[in-house]
Amino acid sequence: AKSFDPDIILVDILLTKKNGYEVSLELKSDDQTKNIPVIVMWSNFMQLDLTQFLACKANDSIEKPFDSDDLRGKVEKLLPNLKSHPFKGLLNFPRLPDIVEGE
Protein backbone atom coordinates (compact mmCIF):
# COMPACT_ATOMS: atom_id res chain seq x y z
CA ALA A 1 0.00 0.00 0.00
CA LYS A 2 2.87 2.38 0.73
CA SER A 3 4.50 2.00 -2.68
CA PHE A 4 1.27 1.68 -4.68
CA ASP A 5 -0.71 4.44 -2.88
CA PRO A 6 -4.20 3.09 -3.64
CA ASP A 7 -7.34 5.23 -3.42
CA ILE A 8 -9.16 2.55 -1.41
CA ILE A 9 -8.43 -0.91 0.02
CA LEU A 10 -10.84 -3.83 0.28
CA VAL A 11 -9.61 -6.52 2.65
CA ASP A 12 -11.18 -9.87 3.47
CA ILE A 13 -11.18 -10.86 7.13
CA LEU A 14 -10.27 -14.44 6.18
CA LEU A 15 -6.66 -14.07 5.08
CA THR A 16 -3.96 -16.64 5.76
CA LYS A 17 -1.02 -14.80 7.35
CA LYS A 18 -2.90 -11.89 8.93
CA ASN A 19 -6.64 -11.50 9.10
CA GLY A 20 -8.36 -8.49 7.58
CA TYR A 21 -8.88 -6.86 10.96
CA GLU A 22 -5.11 -6.95 11.57
CA VAL A 23 -4.36 -5.61 8.09
CA SER A 24 -6.83 -2.76 8.53
CA LEU A 25 -5.45 -1.83 11.95
CA GLU A 26 -1.90 -1.90 10.61
CA LEU A 27 -2.86 0.40 7.73
CA LYS A 28 -4.79 2.77 9.99
CA SER A 29 -1.93 2.89 12.53
CA ASP A 30 0.67 3.96 9.95
CA ASP A 31 0.98 7.69 9.19
CA GLN A 32 1.62 6.94 5.52
CA THR A 33 -1.53 4.82 5.00
CA LYS A 34 -3.96 5.94 7.73
CA ASN A 35 -6.00 8.13 5.37
CA ILE A 36 -6.62 5.40 2.79
CA PRO A 37 -10.22 4.22 3.18
CA VAL A 38 -10.52 0.53 4.11
CA ILE A 39 -13.57 -1.66 3.55
CA VAL A 40 -13.57 -4.96 5.43
CA MET A 41 -15.29 -7.86 3.66
CA TRP A 42 -16.61 -11.08 5.12
CA SER A 43 -18.53 -14.10 3.79
CA ASN A 44 -22.17 -14.65 4.63
CA PHE A 45 -21.43 -18.03 6.23
CA MET A 46 -19.91 -16.20 9.19
CA GLN A 47 -20.60 -13.11 11.27
CA LEU A 48 -18.67 -9.87 11.34
CA ASP A 49 -17.06 -9.49 14.77
CA LEU A 50 -18.29 -6.02 15.70
CA THR A 51 -15.71 -5.59 18.47
CA GLN A 52 -12.81 -6.40 16.13
CA PHE A 53 -14.37 -4.31 13.34
CA LEU A 54 -14.52 -1.23 15.55
CA ALA A 55 -11.01 -1.85 16.87
CA CYS A 56 -9.51 -2.23 13.38
CA LYS A 57 -10.60 1.32 12.43
CA ALA A 58 -11.90 0.29 8.99
CA ASN A 59 -14.11 2.86 7.31
CA ASP A 60 -16.87 0.45 6.33
CA SER A 61 -17.76 -3.20 5.85
CA ILE A 62 -19.58 -5.29 3.27
CA GLU A 63 -20.87 -8.85 3.33
CA LYS A 64 -20.06 -11.20 0.45
CA PRO A 65 -21.61 -11.91 -1.91
CA PHE A 66 -22.41 -8.24 -2.31
CA ASP A 67 -24.45 -6.32 -4.81
CA SER A 68 -22.34 -4.19 -7.14
CA ASP A 69 -24.57 -1.17 -6.47
CA ASP A 70 -23.99 -1.55 -2.72
CA LEU A 71 -20.23 -1.69 -3.24
CA ARG A 72 -20.33 1.26 -5.64
CA GLY A 73 -22.31 3.28 -3.07
CA LYS A 74 -19.79 2.55 -0.32
CA VAL A 75 -16.85 3.44 -2.57
CA GLU A 76 -18.51 6.69 -3.69
CA LYS A 77 -19.23 7.59 -0.05
CA LEU A 78 -15.56 7.11 0.86
CA LEU A 79 -14.20 8.68 -2.34
CA PRO A 80 -16.43 11.72 -2.96
CA ASN A 81 -14.33 12.82 -5.96
CA LEU A 82 -15.85 9.93 -7.91
CA LYS A 83 -19.26 11.61 -7.81
CA SER A 84 -18.03 14.48 -9.97
CA HIS A 85 -15.86 12.43 -12.32
CA PRO A 86 -16.46 13.46 -15.97
CA PHE A 87 -17.22 9.84 -16.96
CA LYS A 88 -19.80 9.38 -14.20
CA GLY A 89 -23.06 8.37 -15.80
CA LEU A 90 -21.51 7.52 -19.15
CA LEU A 91 -20.74 3.92 -18.30
CA ASN A 92 -23.51 1.34 -18.47
CA PHE A 93 -23.13 -1.69 -16.26
CA PRO A 94 -25.03 -4.68 -17.63
CA ARG A 95 -27.40 -6.51 -15.33
CA LEU A 96 -25.90 -9.85 -14.44
CA PRO A 97 -28.19 -12.84 -14.24
CA ASP A 98 -29.24 -14.04 -10.82
CA ILE A 99 -27.46 -17.21 -9.75
CA VAL A 100 -29.86 -19.95 -8.79
CA GLU A 101 -28.39 -22.81 -6.78
CA GLY A 102 -28.85 -26.23 -8.31
CA GLU A 103 -28.93 -25.12 -11.94
C-alpha atoms as a PDB file:
ATOM      1  CA  ALA A   1       0.000   0.000   0.000  1.00  0.00           C
ATOM      2  CA  LYS A   2       2.875   2.381   0.732  1.00  0.00           C
ATOM      3  CA  SER A   3       4.504   1.998  -2.678  1.00  0.00           C
ATOM      4  CA  PHE A   4       1.267   1.681  -4.676  1.00  0.00           C
ATOM      5  CA  ASP A   5      -0.706   4.437  -2.878  1.00  0.00           C
ATOM      6  CA  PRO A   6      -4.203   3.089  -3.641  1.00  0.00           C
ATOM      7  CA  ASP A   7      -7.338   5.225  -3.417  1.00  0.00           C
ATOM      8  CA  ILE A   8      -9.163   2.548  -1.409  1.00  0.00           C
ATOM      9  CA  ILE A   9      -8.433  -0.905   0.021  1.00  0.00           C
ATOM     10  CA  LEU A  10     -10.843  -3.831   0.281  1.00  0.00           C
ATOM     11  CA  VAL A  11      -9.613  -6.516   2.651  1.00  0.00           C
ATOM     12  CA  ASP A  12     -11.183  -9.872   3.471  1.00  0.00           C
ATOM     13  CA  ILE A  13     -11.182 -10.858   7.130  1.00  0.00           C
ATOM     14  CA  LEU A  14     -10.268 -14.444   6.175  1.00  0.00           C
ATOM     15  CA  LEU A  15      -6.665 -14.071   5.075  1.00  0.00           C
ATOM     16  CA  THR A  16      -3.958 -16.641   5.763  1.00  0.00           C
ATOM     17  CA  LYS A  17      -1.017 -14.804   7.350  1.00  0.00           C
ATOM     18  CA  LYS A  18      -2.903 -11.891   8.930  1.00  0.00           C
ATOM     19  CA  ASN A  19      -6.642 -11.495   9.099  1.00  0.00           C
ATOM     20  CA  GLY A  20      -8.357  -8.485   7.578  1.00  0.00           C
ATOM     21  CA  TYR A  21      -8.883  -6.865  10.959  1.00  0.00           C
ATOM     22  CA  GLU A  22      -5.114  -6.951  11.565  1.00  0.00           C
ATOM     23  CA  VAL A  23      -4.360  -5.611   8.087  1.00  0.00           C
ATOM     24  CA  SER A  24      -6.825  -2.756   8.526  1.00  0.00           C
ATOM     25  CA  LEU A  25      -5.453  -1.831  11.954  1.00  0.00           C
ATOM     26  CA  GLU A  26      -1.895  -1.904  10.607  1.00  0.00           C
ATOM     27  CA  LEU A  27      -2.862   0.396   7.728  1.00  0.00           C
ATOM     28  CA  LYS A  28      -4.789   2.773   9.993  1.00  0.00           C
ATOM     29  CA  SER A  29      -1.926   2.886  12.527  1.00  0.00           C
ATOM     30  CA  ASP A  30       0.665   3.962   9.953  1.00  0.00           C
ATOM     31  CA  ASP A  31       0.977   7.685   9.192  1.00  0.00           C
ATOM     32  CA  GLN A  32       1.618   6.942   5.515  1.00  0.00           C
ATOM     33  CA  THR A  33      -1.529   4.824   4.999  1.00  0.00           C
ATOM     34  CA  LYS A  34      -3.958   5.935   7.726  1.00  0.00           C
ATOM     35  CA  ASN A  35      -5.998   8.127   5.371  1.00  0.00           C
ATOM     36  CA  ILE A  36      -6.624   5.395   2.786  1.00  0.00           C
ATOM     37  CA  PRO A  37     -10.225   4.218   3.179  1.00  0.00           C
ATOM     38  CA  VAL A  38     -10.525   0.530   4.112  1.00  0.00           C
ATOM     39  CA  ILE A  39     -13.574  -1.662   3.546  1.00  0.00           C
ATOM     40  CA  VAL A  40     -13.570  -4.961   5.427  1.00  0.00           C
ATOM     41  CA  MET A  41     -15.286  -7.865   3.656  1.00  0.00           C
ATOM     42  CA  TRP A  42     -16.613 -11.084   5.124  1.00  0.00           C
ATOM     43  CA  SER A  43     -18.526 -14.096   3.792  1.00  0.00           C
ATOM     44  CA  ASN A  44     -22.166 -14.650   4.625  1.00  0.00           C
ATOM     45  CA  PHE A  45     -21.432 -18.031   6.227  1.00  0.00           C
ATOM     46  CA  MET A  46     -19.906 -16.203   9.188  1.00  0.00           C
ATOM     47  CA  GLN A  47     -20.598 -13.112  11.265  1.00  0.00           C
ATOM     48  CA  LEU A  48     -18.671  -9.866  11.338  1.00  0.00           C
ATOM     49  CA  ASP A  49     -17.061  -9.490  14.766  1.00  0.00           C
ATOM     50  CA  LEU A  50     -18.286  -6.023  15.700  1.00  0.00           C
ATOM     51  CA  THR A  51     -15.708  -5.594  18.473  1.00  0.00           C
ATOM     52  CA  GLN A  52     -12.811  -6.401  16.128  1.00  0.00           C
ATOM     53  CA  PHE A  53     -14.369  -4.314  13.340  1.00  0.00           C
ATOM     54  CA  LEU A  54     -14.522  -1.233  15.555  1.00  0.00           C
ATOM     55  CA  ALA A  55     -11.005  -1.850  16.872  1.00  0.00           C
ATOM     56  CA  CYS A  56      -9.505  -2.225  13.380  1.00  0.00           C
ATOM     57  CA  LYS A  57     -10.605   1.317  12.433  1.00  0.00           C
ATOM     58  CA  ALA A  58     -11.895   0.287   8.989  1.00  0.00           C
ATOM     59  CA  ASN A  59     -14.106   2.862   7.312  1.00  0.00           C
ATOM     60  CA  ASP A  60     -16.870   0.453   6.326  1.00  0.00           C
ATOM     61  CA  SER A  61     -17.756  -3.202   5.851  1.00  0.00           C
ATOM     62  CA  ILE A  62     -19.581  -5.289   3.270  1.00  0.00           C
ATOM     63  CA  GLU A  63     -20.869  -8.847   3.332  1.00  0.00           C
ATOM     64  CA  LYS A  64     -20.059 -11.203   0.450  1.00  0.00           C
ATOM     65  CA  PRO A  65     -21.610 -11.908  -1.908  1.00  0.00           C
ATOM     66  CA  PHE A  66     -22.409  -8.242  -2.314  1.00  0.00           C
ATOM     67  CA  ASP A  67     -24.451  -6.325  -4.813  1.00  0.00           C
ATOM     68  CA  SER A  68     -22.336  -4.193  -7.140  1.00  0.00           C
ATOM     69  CA  ASP A  69     -24.566  -1.168  -6.474  1.00  0.00           C
ATOM     70  CA  ASP A  70     -23.991  -1.553  -2.717  1.00  0.00           C
ATOM     71  CA  LEU A  71     -20.228  -1.687  -3.238  1.00  0.00           C
ATOM     72  CA  ARG A  72     -20.334   1.258  -5.641  1.00  0.00           C
ATOM     73  CA  GLY A  73     -22.306   3.279  -3.066  1.00  0.00           C
ATOM     74  CA  LYS A  74     -19.790   2.545  -0.319  1.00  0.00           C
ATOM     75  CA  VAL A  75     -16.854   3.438  -2.566  1.00  0.00           C
ATOM     76  CA  GLU A  76     -18.510   6.685  -3.692  1.00  0.00           C
ATOM     77  CA  LYS A  77     -19.232   7.589  -0.053  1.00  0.00           C
ATOM     78  CA  LEU A  78     -15.557   7.105   0.858  1.00  0.00           C
ATOM     79  CA  LEU A  79     -14.198   8.678  -2.339  1.00  0.00           C
ATOM     80  CA  PRO A  80     -16.425  11.715  -2.956  1.00  0.00           C
ATOM     81  CA  ASN A  81     -14.329  12.819  -5.959  1.00  0.00           C
ATOM     82  CA  LEU A  82     -15.848   9.925  -7.914  1.00  0.00           C
ATOM     83  CA  LYS A  83     -19.258  11.607  -7.810  1.00  0.00           C
ATOM     84  CA  SER A  84     -18.028  14.483  -9.967  1.00  0.00           C
ATOM     85  CA  HIS A  85     -15.861  12.428 -12.323  1.00  0.00           C
ATOM     86  CA  PRO A  86     -16.463  13.458 -15.967  1.00  0.00           C
ATOM     87  CA  PHE A  87     -17.221   9.843 -16.957  1.00  0.00           C
ATOM     88  CA  LYS A  88     -19.795   9.384 -14.197  1.00  0.00           C
ATOM     89  CA  GLY A  89     -23.063   8.365 -15.795  1.00  0.00           C
ATOM     90  CA  LEU A  90     -21.514   7.517 -19.151  1.00  0.00           C
ATOM     91  CA  LEU A  91     -20.745   3.916 -18.304  1.00  0.00           C
ATOM     92  CA  ASN A  92     -23.510   1.344 -18.467  1.00  0.00           C
ATOM     93  CA  PHE A  93     -23.130  -1.689 -16.261  1.00  0.00           C
ATOM     94  CA  PRO A  94     -25.028  -4.679 -17.626  1.00  0.00           C
ATOM     95  CA  ARG A  95     -27.403  -6.508 -15.329  1.00  0.00           C
ATOM     96  CA  LEU A  96     -25.901  -9.849 -14.436  1.00  0.00           C
ATOM     97  CA  PRO A  97     -28.187 -12.845 -14.243  1.00  0.00           C
ATOM     98  CA  ASP A  98     -29.241 -14.041 -10.822  1.00  0.00           C
ATOM     99  CA  ILE A  99     -27.456 -17.207  -9.753  1.00  0.00           C
ATOM    100  CA  VAL A 100     -29.856 -19.955  -8.791  1.00  0.00           C
ATOM    101  CA  GLU A 101     -28.392 -22.806  -6.784  1.00  0.00           C
ATOM    102  CA  GLY A 102     -28.855 -26.232  -8.313  1.00  0.00           C
ATOM    103  CA  GLU A 103     -28.925 -25.118 -11.938  1.00  0.00           C
END
